[in-house]
PDB file of all heavy atoms in Angstrom:
ATOM      1  N   MET A   1     -72.938  15.451 -69.717  1.00  0.00           N
ATOM      2  CA  MET A   1     -72.433  16.730 -70.187  1.00  0.00           C
ATOM      3  C   MET A   1     -71.980  16.755 -71.626  1.00  0.00           C
ATOM      4  O   MET A   1     -71.313  17.686 -72.145  1.00  0.00           O
ATOM      5  CB  MET A   1     -71.309  17.253 -69.314  1.00  0.00           C
ATOM      6  CG  MET A   1     -71.818  17.431 -67.869  1.00  0.00           C
ATOM      7  SD  MET A   1     -70.403  17.882 -66.827  1.00  0.00           S
ATOM      8  CE  MET A   1     -71.284  18.636 -65.539  1.00  0.00           C
ATOM      9  N   LYS A   2     -72.139  15.564 -72.281  1.00  0.00           N
ATOM     10  CA  LYS A   2     -71.741  15.389 -73.734  1.00  0.00           C
ATOM     11  C   LYS A   2     -70.231  15.630 -73.963  1.00  0.00           C
ATOM     12  O   LYS A   2     -69.822  16.078 -74.950  1.00  0.00           O
ATOM     13  CB  LYS A   2     -72.511  16.289 -74.644  1.00  0.00           C
ATOM     14  CG  LYS A   2     -74.055  15.985 -74.526  1.00  0.00           C
ATOM     15  CD  LYS A   2     -74.846  17.088 -75.211  1.00  0.00           C
ATOM     16  CE  LYS A   2     -76.373  16.932 -74.971  1.00  0.00           C
ATOM     17  NZ  LYS A   2     -76.757  17.018 -73.596  1.00  0.00           N
ATOM     18  N   ASN A   3     -69.503  15.187 -72.906  1.00  0.00           N
ATOM     19  CA  ASN A   3     -67.974  15.283 -73.017  1.00  0.00           C
ATOM     20  C   ASN A   3     -67.413  13.990 -73.512  1.00  0.00           C
ATOM     21  O   ASN A   3     -66.883  13.148 -72.785  1.00  0.00           O
ATOM     22  CB  ASN A   3     -67.489  15.557 -71.572  1.00  0.00           C
ATOM     23  CG  ASN A   3     -66.002  15.826 -71.510  1.00  0.00           C
ATOM     24  OD1 ASN A   3     -65.293  15.587 -72.486  1.00  0.00           O
ATOM     25  ND2 ASN A   3     -65.573  16.294 -70.369  1.00  0.00           N
ATOM     26  N   ILE A   4     -67.527  13.734 -74.801  1.00  0.00           N
ATOM     27  CA  ILE A   4     -67.177  12.582 -75.457  1.00  0.00           C
ATOM     28  C   ILE A   4     -65.676  12.432 -75.487  1.00  0.00           C
ATOM     29  O   ILE A   4     -65.183  11.266 -75.484  1.00  0.00           O
ATOM     30  CB  ILE A   4     -67.828  12.506 -76.829  1.00  0.00           C
ATOM     31  CG1 ILE A   4     -69.292  12.559 -76.838  1.00  0.00           C
ATOM     32  CG2 ILE A   4     -67.337  11.108 -77.615  1.00  0.00           C
ATOM     33  CD1 ILE A   4     -70.018  11.683 -75.855  1.00  0.00           C
ATOM     34  N   ASP A   5     -64.968  13.413 -75.507  1.00  0.00           N
ATOM     35  CA  ASP A   5     -63.464  13.366 -75.479  1.00  0.00           C
ATOM     36  C   ASP A   5     -63.015  12.695 -74.230  1.00  0.00           C
ATOM     37  O   ASP A   5     -62.055  11.927 -74.251  1.00  0.00           O
ATOM     38  CB  ASP A   5     -62.713  14.723 -75.599  1.00  0.00           C
ATOM     39  CG  ASP A   5     -62.937  15.380 -76.985  1.00  0.00           C
ATOM     40  OD1 ASP A   5     -63.110  14.573 -77.984  1.00  0.00           O
ATOM     41  OD2 ASP A   5     -62.809  16.518 -77.142  1.00  0.00           O
ATOM     42  N   TYR A   6     -63.744  12.931 -73.094  1.00  0.00           N
ATOM     43  CA  TYR A   6     -63.368  12.344 -71.808  1.00  0.00           C
ATOM     44  C   TYR A   6     -63.711  10.839 -71.807  1.00  0.00           C
ATOM     45  O   TYR A   6     -62.964   9.927 -71.402  1.00  0.00           O
ATOM     46  CB  TYR A   6     -64.086  12.917 -70.653  1.00  0.00           C
ATOM     47  CG  TYR A   6     -63.737  12.351 -69.357  1.00  0.00           C
ATOM     48  CD1 TYR A   6     -62.574  12.699 -68.695  1.00  0.00           C
ATOM     49  CD2 TYR A   6     -64.513  11.453 -68.743  1.00  0.00           C
ATOM     50  CE1 TYR A   6     -62.226  12.121 -67.422  1.00  0.00           C
ATOM     51  CE2 TYR A   6     -64.286  10.920 -67.491  1.00  0.00           C
ATOM     52  CZ  TYR A   6     -63.027  11.288 -66.845  1.00  0.00           C
ATOM     53  OH  TYR A   6     -62.704  10.677 -65.565  1.00  0.00           O
ATOM     54  N   ILE A   7     -64.837  10.493 -72.492  1.00  0.00           N
ATOM     55  CA  ILE A   7     -65.210   9.074 -72.616  1.00  0.00           C
ATOM     56  C   ILE A   7     -64.170   8.246 -73.389  1.00  0.00           C
ATOM     57  O   ILE A   7     -63.762   7.162 -72.974  1.00  0.00           O
ATOM     58  CB  ILE A   7     -66.581   8.990 -73.332  1.00  0.00           C
ATOM     59  CG1 ILE A   7     -67.743   9.658 -72.536  1.00  0.00           C
ATOM     60  CG2 ILE A   7     -66.945   7.573 -73.701  1.00  0.00           C
ATOM     61  CD1 ILE A   7     -68.008   9.102 -71.136  1.00  0.00           C
ATOM     62  N   ILE A   8     -63.686   8.869 -74.444  1.00  0.00           N
ATOM     63  CA  ILE A   8     -62.650   8.210 -75.283  1.00  0.00           C
ATOM     64  C   ILE A   8     -61.417   8.125 -74.483  1.00  0.00           C
ATOM     65  O   ILE A   8     -60.761   7.036 -74.516  1.00  0.00           O
ATOM     66  CB  ILE A   8     -62.520   8.855 -76.630  1.00  0.00           C
ATOM     67  CG1 ILE A   8     -63.818   8.707 -77.433  1.00  0.00           C
ATOM     68  CG2 ILE A   8     -61.309   8.338 -77.378  1.00  0.00           C
ATOM     69  CD1 ILE A   8     -63.870   9.567 -78.720  1.00  0.00           C
ATOM     70  N   ALA A   9     -61.028   9.151 -73.871  1.00  0.00           N
ATOM     71  CA  ALA A   9     -59.732   9.239 -73.142  1.00  0.00           C
ATOM     72  C   ALA A   9     -59.593   8.188 -72.001  1.00  0.00           C
ATOM     73  O   ALA A   9     -58.461   7.809 -71.545  1.00  0.00           O
ATOM     74  CB  ALA A   9     -59.359  10.629 -72.700  1.00  0.00           C
ATOM     75  N   THR A  10     -60.788   7.874 -71.422  1.00  0.00           N
ATOM     76  CA  THR A  10     -60.859   6.965 -70.233  1.00  0.00           C
ATOM     77  C   THR A  10     -61.156   5.563 -70.687  1.00  0.00           C
ATOM     78  O   THR A  10     -61.280   4.721 -69.824  1.00  0.00           O
ATOM     79  CB  THR A  10     -61.847   7.478 -69.256  1.00  0.00           C
ATOM     80  OG1 THR A  10     -63.089   7.625 -69.823  1.00  0.00           O
ATOM     81  CG2 THR A  10     -61.380   8.742 -68.657  1.00  0.00           C
ATOM     82  N   THR A  11     -61.156   5.239 -71.972  1.00  0.00           N
ATOM     83  CA  THR A  11     -61.240   3.887 -72.429  1.00  0.00           C
ATOM     84  C   THR A  11     -59.833   3.350 -72.673  1.00  0.00           C
ATOM     85  O   THR A  11     -58.861   4.172 -72.927  1.00  0.00           O
ATOM     86  CB  THR A  11     -62.012   3.861 -73.763  1.00  0.00           C
ATOM     87  OG1 THR A  11     -63.341   4.415 -73.606  1.00  0.00           O
ATOM     88  CG2 THR A  11     -62.107   2.440 -74.356  1.00  0.00           C
ATOM     89  N   VAL A  12     -59.580   2.085 -72.438  1.00  0.00           N
ATOM     90  CA  VAL A  12     -58.207   1.595 -72.523  1.00  0.00           C
ATOM     91  C   VAL A  12     -57.609   1.980 -73.804  1.00  0.00           C
ATOM     92  O   VAL A  12     -58.207   2.008 -74.852  1.00  0.00           O
ATOM     93  CB  VAL A  12     -58.294   0.018 -72.370  1.00  0.00           C
ATOM     94  CG1 VAL A  12     -58.880  -0.728 -73.523  1.00  0.00           C
ATOM     95  CG2 VAL A  12     -56.923  -0.567 -72.008  1.00  0.00           C
ATOM     96  N   PRO A  13     -56.347   2.534 -73.819  1.00  0.00           N
ATOM     97  CA  PRO A  13     -55.788   3.119 -74.944  1.00  0.00           C
ATOM     98  C   PRO A  13     -55.888   2.326 -76.299  1.00  0.00           C
ATOM     99  O   PRO A  13     -56.073   2.912 -77.362  1.00  0.00           O
ATOM    100  CB  PRO A  13     -54.349   3.395 -74.557  1.00  0.00           C
ATOM    101  CG  PRO A  13     -54.477   3.677 -73.030  1.00  0.00           C
ATOM    102  CD  PRO A  13     -55.531   2.694 -72.619  1.00  0.00           C
ATOM    103  N   SER A  14     -55.660   1.037 -76.157  1.00  0.00           N
ATOM    104  CA  SER A  14     -55.693   0.228 -77.433  1.00  0.00           C
ATOM    105  C   SER A  14     -56.945   0.220 -78.045  1.00  0.00           C
ATOM    106  O   SER A  14     -57.112  -0.174 -79.250  1.00  0.00           O
ATOM    107  CB  SER A  14     -55.174  -1.161 -77.107  1.00  0.00           C
ATOM    108  OG  SER A  14     -56.093  -1.833 -76.250  1.00  0.00           O
ATOM    109  N   GLN A  15     -58.135   0.672 -77.425  1.00  0.00           N
ATOM    110  CA  GLN A  15     -59.337   0.564 -77.894  1.00  0.00           C
ATOM    111  C   GLN A  15     -59.894   1.971 -78.453  1.00  0.00           C
ATOM    112  O   GLN A  15     -60.902   2.007 -79.170  1.00  0.00           O
ATOM    113  CB  GLN A  15     -60.425   0.049 -76.910  1.00  0.00           C
ATOM    114  CG  GLN A  15     -60.217  -1.404 -76.554  1.00  0.00           C
ATOM    115  CD  GLN A  15     -61.339  -1.859 -75.585  1.00  0.00           C
ATOM    116  OE1 GLN A  15     -61.700  -1.225 -74.645  1.00  0.00           O
ATOM    117  NE2 GLN A  15     -61.928  -2.982 -75.924  1.00  0.00           N
ATOM    118  N   GLN A  16     -59.225   2.997 -78.008  1.00  0.00           N
ATOM    119  CA  GLN A  16     -59.708   4.445 -78.370  1.00  0.00           C
ATOM    120  C   GLN A  16     -59.922   4.629 -79.833  1.00  0.00           C
ATOM    121  O   GLN A  16     -60.917   5.245 -80.204  1.00  0.00           O
ATOM    122  CB  GLN A  16     -58.764   5.386 -77.734  1.00  0.00           C
ATOM    123  CG  GLN A  16     -58.665   5.398 -76.217  1.00  0.00           C
ATOM    124  CD  GLN A  16     -57.784   6.295 -75.600  1.00  0.00           C
ATOM    125  OE1 GLN A  16     -57.104   7.066 -76.222  1.00  0.00           O
ATOM    126  NE2 GLN A  16     -57.550   6.265 -74.300  1.00  0.00           N
ATOM    127  N   ALA A  17     -59.058   4.077 -80.632  1.00  0.00           N
ATOM    128  CA  ALA A  17     -59.241   4.407 -82.137  1.00  0.00           C
ATOM    129  C   ALA A  17     -60.416   3.701 -82.692  1.00  0.00           C
ATOM    130  O   ALA A  17     -60.940   4.054 -83.762  1.00  0.00           O
ATOM    131  CB  ALA A  17     -57.970   3.960 -82.889  1.00  0.00           C
ATOM    132  N   GLN A  18     -60.978   2.609 -82.045  1.00  0.00           N
ATOM    133  CA  GLN A  18     -62.068   1.857 -82.581  1.00  0.00           C
ATOM    134  C   GLN A  18     -63.423   2.602 -82.141  1.00  0.00           C
ATOM    135  O   GLN A  18     -64.493   2.081 -82.550  1.00  0.00           O
ATOM    136  CB  GLN A  18     -62.177   0.451 -81.900  1.00  0.00           C
ATOM    137  CG  GLN A  18     -60.948  -0.360 -82.422  1.00  0.00           C
ATOM    138  CD  GLN A  18     -61.012  -1.782 -81.683  1.00  0.00           C
ATOM    139  OE1 GLN A  18     -62.024  -2.591 -81.971  1.00  0.00           O
ATOM    140  NE2 GLN A  18     -60.084  -2.104 -80.883  1.00  0.00           N
ATOM    141  N   LEU A  19     -63.383   3.490 -81.268  1.00  0.00           N
ATOM    142  CA  LEU A  19     -64.562   4.238 -80.808  1.00  0.00           C
ATOM    143  C   LEU A  19     -65.159   5.259 -81.854  1.00  0.00           C
ATOM    144  O   LEU A  19     -64.314   5.934 -82.459  1.00  0.00           O
ATOM    145  CB  LEU A  19     -64.368   4.885 -79.468  1.00  0.00           C
ATOM    146  CG  LEU A  19     -63.991   3.979 -78.348  1.00  0.00           C
ATOM    147  CD1 LEU A  19     -63.703   4.749 -77.049  1.00  0.00           C
ATOM    148  CD2 LEU A  19     -65.046   2.943 -78.054  1.00  0.00           C
ATOM    149  N   ASP A  20     -66.428   5.189 -82.179  1.00  0.00           N
ATOM    150  CA  ASP A  20     -67.035   6.091 -83.069  1.00  0.00           C
ATOM    151  C   ASP A  20     -67.498   7.324 -82.291  1.00  0.00           C
ATOM    152  O   ASP A  20     -68.536   7.284 -81.627  1.00  0.00           O
ATOM    153  CB  ASP A  20     -68.232   5.389 -83.745  1.00  0.00           C
ATOM    154  CG  ASP A  20     -68.846   6.120 -84.841  1.00  0.00           C
ATOM    155  OD1 ASP A  20     -68.844   7.394 -84.814  1.00  0.00           O
ATOM    156  OD2 ASP A  20     -69.367   5.536 -85.744  1.00  0.00           O
ATOM    157  N   LYS A  21     -66.772   8.406 -82.353  1.00  0.00           N
ATOM    158  CA  LYS A  21     -67.043   9.632 -81.707  1.00  0.00           C
ATOM    159  C   LYS A  21     -68.393  10.265 -82.017  1.00  0.00           C
ATOM    160  O   LYS A  21     -69.192  10.641 -81.242  1.00  0.00           O
ATOM    161  CB  LYS A  21     -65.895  10.679 -81.880  1.00  0.00           C
ATOM    162  CG  LYS A  21     -66.080  11.886 -81.065  1.00  0.00           C
ATOM    163  CD  LYS A  21     -64.941  12.798 -81.114  1.00  0.00           C
ATOM    164  CE  LYS A  21     -65.039  14.073 -80.356  1.00  0.00           C
ATOM    165  NZ  LYS A  21     -63.876  14.976 -80.468  1.00  0.00           N
ATOM    166  N   ALA A  22     -68.715  10.228 -83.286  1.00  0.00           N
ATOM    167  CA  ALA A  22     -69.950  10.737 -83.833  1.00  0.00           C
ATOM    168  C   ALA A  22     -71.143   9.900 -83.171  1.00  0.00           C
ATOM    169  O   ALA A  22     -72.216  10.558 -82.760  1.00  0.00           O
ATOM    170  CB  ALA A  22     -70.095  10.764 -85.289  1.00  0.00           C
ATOM    171  N   LEU A  23     -71.066   8.611 -83.122  1.00  0.00           N
ATOM    172  CA  LEU A  23     -72.104   7.789 -82.602  1.00  0.00           C
ATOM    173  C   LEU A  23     -72.246   7.980 -81.001  1.00  0.00           C
ATOM    174  O   LEU A  23     -73.325   8.095 -80.615  1.00  0.00           O
ATOM    175  CB  LEU A  23     -71.805   6.314 -82.848  1.00  0.00           C
ATOM    176  CG  LEU A  23     -72.785   5.263 -82.452  1.00  0.00           C
ATOM    177  CD1 LEU A  23     -74.013   5.546 -83.378  1.00  0.00           C
ATOM    178  CD2 LEU A  23     -72.282   3.858 -82.748  1.00  0.00           C
ATOM    179  N   LEU A  24     -71.075   8.109 -80.417  1.00  0.00           N
ATOM    180  CA  LEU A  24     -71.250   8.372 -78.922  1.00  0.00           C
ATOM    181  C   LEU A  24     -71.820   9.733 -78.696  1.00  0.00           C
ATOM    182  O   LEU A  24     -72.672   9.837 -77.736  1.00  0.00           O
ATOM    183  CB  LEU A  24     -69.827   8.300 -78.375  1.00  0.00           C
ATOM    184  CG  LEU A  24     -69.122   6.931 -78.277  1.00  0.00           C
ATOM    185  CD1 LEU A  24     -67.598   7.093 -77.898  1.00  0.00           C
ATOM    186  CD2 LEU A  24     -69.788   6.080 -77.340  1.00  0.00           C
ATOM    187  N   LEU A  25     -71.426  10.718 -79.469  1.00  0.00           N
ATOM    188  CA  LEU A  25     -72.125  12.086 -79.291  1.00  0.00           C
ATOM    189  C   LEU A  25     -73.609  12.036 -79.531  1.00  0.00           C
ATOM    190  O   LEU A  25     -74.388  12.685 -78.823  1.00  0.00           O
ATOM    191  CB  LEU A  25     -71.395  13.154 -80.158  1.00  0.00           C
ATOM    192  CG  LEU A  25     -71.819  14.563 -79.958  1.00  0.00           C
ATOM    193  CD1 LEU A  25     -71.751  15.018 -78.559  1.00  0.00           C
ATOM    194  CD2 LEU A  25     -71.032  15.422 -80.981  1.00  0.00           C
ATOM    195  N   ASP A  26     -73.938  11.342 -80.565  1.00  0.00           N
ATOM    196  CA  ASP A  26     -75.403  11.193 -80.953  1.00  0.00           C
ATOM    197  C   ASP A  26     -76.130  10.615 -79.704  1.00  0.00           C
ATOM    198  O   ASP A  26     -77.172  11.111 -79.525  1.00  0.00           O
ATOM    199  CB  ASP A  26     -75.473  10.375 -82.204  1.00  0.00           C
ATOM    200  CG  ASP A  26     -76.987  10.436 -82.664  1.00  0.00           C
ATOM    201  OD1 ASP A  26     -77.611  11.355 -82.897  1.00  0.00           O
ATOM    202  OD2 ASP A  26     -77.548   9.207 -82.725  1.00  0.00           O
ATOM    203  N   TRP A  27     -75.614   9.519 -79.230  1.00  0.00           N
ATOM    204  CA  TRP A  27     -76.308   8.914 -78.147  1.00  0.00           C
ATOM    205  C   TRP A  27     -76.394   9.815 -76.945  1.00  0.00           C
ATOM    206  O   TRP A  27     -77.445   9.999 -76.308  1.00  0.00           O
ATOM    207  CB  TRP A  27     -75.459   7.594 -77.641  1.00  0.00           C
ATOM    208  CG  TRP A  27     -76.254   6.769 -76.695  1.00  0.00           C
ATOM    209  CD1 TRP A  27     -77.650   6.514 -76.605  1.00  0.00           C
ATOM    210  CD2 TRP A  27     -75.724   6.047 -75.587  1.00  0.00           C
ATOM    211  NE1 TRP A  27     -77.883   5.747 -75.572  1.00  0.00           N
ATOM    212  CE2 TRP A  27     -76.745   5.423 -74.932  1.00  0.00           C
ATOM    213  CE3 TRP A  27     -74.420   5.810 -75.079  1.00  0.00           C
ATOM    214  CZ2 TRP A  27     -76.541   4.610 -73.861  1.00  0.00           C
ATOM    215  CZ3 TRP A  27     -74.154   4.926 -73.993  1.00  0.00           C
ATOM    216  CH2 TRP A  27     -75.275   4.370 -73.394  1.00  0.00           C
ATOM    217  N   ALA A  28     -75.363  10.598 -76.632  1.00  0.00           N
ATOM    218  CA  ALA A  28     -75.450  11.522 -75.490  1.00  0.00           C
ATOM    219  C   ALA A  28     -76.382  12.668 -75.781  1.00  0.00           C
ATOM    220  O   ALA A  28     -77.168  13.111 -74.921  1.00  0.00           O
ATOM    221  CB  ALA A  28     -74.057  12.084 -75.227  1.00  0.00           C
ATOM    222  N   GLU A  29     -76.480  13.155 -77.058  1.00  0.00           N
ATOM    223  CA  GLU A  29     -77.372  14.267 -77.411  1.00  0.00           C
ATOM    224  C   GLU A  29     -78.834  13.871 -77.392  1.00  0.00           C
ATOM    225  O   GLU A  29     -79.719  14.686 -77.277  1.00  0.00           O
ATOM    226  CB  GLU A  29     -76.966  14.843 -78.706  1.00  0.00           C
ATOM    227  CG  GLU A  29     -75.661  15.639 -78.555  1.00  0.00           C
ATOM    228  CD  GLU A  29     -75.198  16.236 -79.842  1.00  0.00           C
ATOM    229  OE1 GLU A  29     -75.553  15.859 -80.962  1.00  0.00           O
ATOM    230  OE2 GLU A  29     -74.430  17.249 -79.715  1.00  0.00           O
ATOM    231  N   THR A  30     -79.117  12.586 -77.675  1.00  0.00           N
ATOM    232  CA  THR A  30     -80.518  12.131 -77.796  1.00  0.00           C
ATOM    233  C   THR A  30     -81.006  11.378 -76.654  1.00  0.00           C
ATOM    234  O   THR A  30     -82.102  10.824 -76.560  1.00  0.00           O
ATOM    235  CB  THR A  30     -80.682  11.179 -79.066  1.00  0.00           C
ATOM    236  OG1 THR A  30     -79.708   9.967 -78.865  1.00  0.00           O
ATOM    237  CG2 THR A  30     -80.341  11.838 -80.366  1.00  0.00           C
ATOM    238  N   THR A  31     -80.215  11.397 -75.519  1.00  0.00           N
ATOM    239  CA  THR A  31     -80.519  10.819 -74.366  1.00  0.00           C
ATOM    240  C   THR A  31     -80.583  11.775 -73.134  1.00  0.00           C
ATOM    241  O   THR A  31     -79.729  12.629 -73.080  1.00  0.00           O
ATOM    242  CB  THR A  31     -79.458   9.656 -73.981  1.00  0.00           C
ATOM    243  OG1 THR A  31     -79.482   8.781 -75.061  1.00  0.00           O
ATOM    244  CG2 THR A  31     -79.837   8.950 -72.802  1.00  0.00           C
ATOM    245  N   HIS A  32     -81.697  11.722 -72.394  1.00  0.00           N
ATOM    246  CA  HIS A  32     -81.798  12.534 -71.242  1.00  0.00           C
ATOM    247  C   HIS A  32     -81.441  11.731 -69.999  1.00  0.00           C
ATOM    248  O   HIS A  32     -82.245  10.803 -69.686  1.00  0.00           O
ATOM    249  CB  HIS A  32     -83.124  13.169 -71.121  1.00  0.00           C
ATOM    250  CG  HIS A  32     -83.387  14.000 -69.796  1.00  0.00           C
ATOM    251  ND1 HIS A  32     -82.705  15.157 -69.501  1.00  0.00           N
ATOM    252  CD2 HIS A  32     -84.051  13.676 -68.634  1.00  0.00           C
ATOM    253  CE1 HIS A  32     -83.033  15.520 -68.314  1.00  0.00           C
ATOM    254  NE2 HIS A  32     -83.798  14.664 -67.793  1.00  0.00           N
ATOM    255  N   TRP A  33     -80.272  11.873 -69.425  1.00  0.00           N
ATOM    256  CA  TRP A  33     -79.848  11.077 -68.328  1.00  0.00           C
ATOM    257  C   TRP A  33     -80.535  11.450 -67.052  1.00  0.00           C
ATOM    258  O   TRP A  33     -80.543  12.572 -66.716  1.00  0.00           O
ATOM    259  CB  TRP A  33     -78.252  11.112 -68.191  1.00  0.00           C
ATOM    260  CG  TRP A  33     -77.563  10.634 -69.398  1.00  0.00           C
ATOM    261  CD1 TRP A  33     -77.137  11.510 -70.420  1.00  0.00           C
ATOM    262  CD2 TRP A  33     -77.366   9.305 -69.881  1.00  0.00           C
ATOM    263  NE1 TRP A  33     -76.579  10.716 -71.416  1.00  0.00           N
ATOM    264  CE2 TRP A  33     -76.669   9.394 -71.105  1.00  0.00           C
ATOM    265  CE3 TRP A  33     -77.572   8.117 -69.357  1.00  0.00           C
ATOM    266  CZ2 TRP A  33     -76.378   8.296 -71.842  1.00  0.00           C
ATOM    267  CZ3 TRP A  33     -77.246   6.995 -69.931  1.00  0.00           C
ATOM    268  CH2 TRP A  33     -76.635   7.012 -71.223  1.00  0.00           C
ATOM    269  N   THR A  34     -81.102  10.464 -66.301  1.00  0.00           N
ATOM    270  CA  THR A  34     -81.893  10.786 -65.178  1.00  0.00           C
ATOM    271  C   THR A  34     -81.394  10.308 -63.880  1.00  0.00           C
ATOM    272  O   THR A  34     -81.904  10.647 -62.884  1.00  0.00           O
ATOM    273  CB  THR A  34     -83.345  10.339 -65.359  1.00  0.00           C
ATOM    274  OG1 THR A  34     -83.338   8.972 -65.495  1.00  0.00           O
ATOM    275  CG2 THR A  34     -83.923  11.089 -66.542  1.00  0.00           C
ATOM    276  N   GLY A  35     -80.347   9.436 -63.832  1.00  0.00           N
ATOM    277  CA  GLY A  35     -79.768   8.899 -62.576  1.00  0.00           C
ATOM    278  C   GLY A  35     -78.838   7.784 -62.843  1.00  0.00           C
ATOM    279  O   GLY A  35     -78.741   7.189 -63.881  1.00  0.00           O
ATOM    280  N   LEU A  36     -78.083   7.568 -61.713  1.00  0.00           N
ATOM    281  CA  LEU A  36     -77.035   6.467 -61.720  1.00  0.00           C
ATOM    282  C   LEU A  36     -77.101   5.793 -60.345  1.00  0.00           C
ATOM    283  O   LEU A  36     -77.195   6.465 -59.307  1.00  0.00           O
ATOM    284  CB  LEU A  36     -75.687   7.088 -61.953  1.00  0.00           C
ATOM    285  CG  LEU A  36     -74.489   6.067 -61.812  1.00  0.00           C
ATOM    286  CD1 LEU A  36     -74.508   5.170 -62.988  1.00  0.00           C
ATOM    287  CD2 LEU A  36     -73.201   6.835 -61.735  1.00  0.00           C
TER     288      LEU A  36
END
């Protein structure tokens, strides 16, 4: 659902600032998820 804020918020707090939101969003937008 391209909900990158949730991805960041559910990463251990001390690592959240190290996450690249734009990169995560780009991956989500260029990927068609088909199953888990």
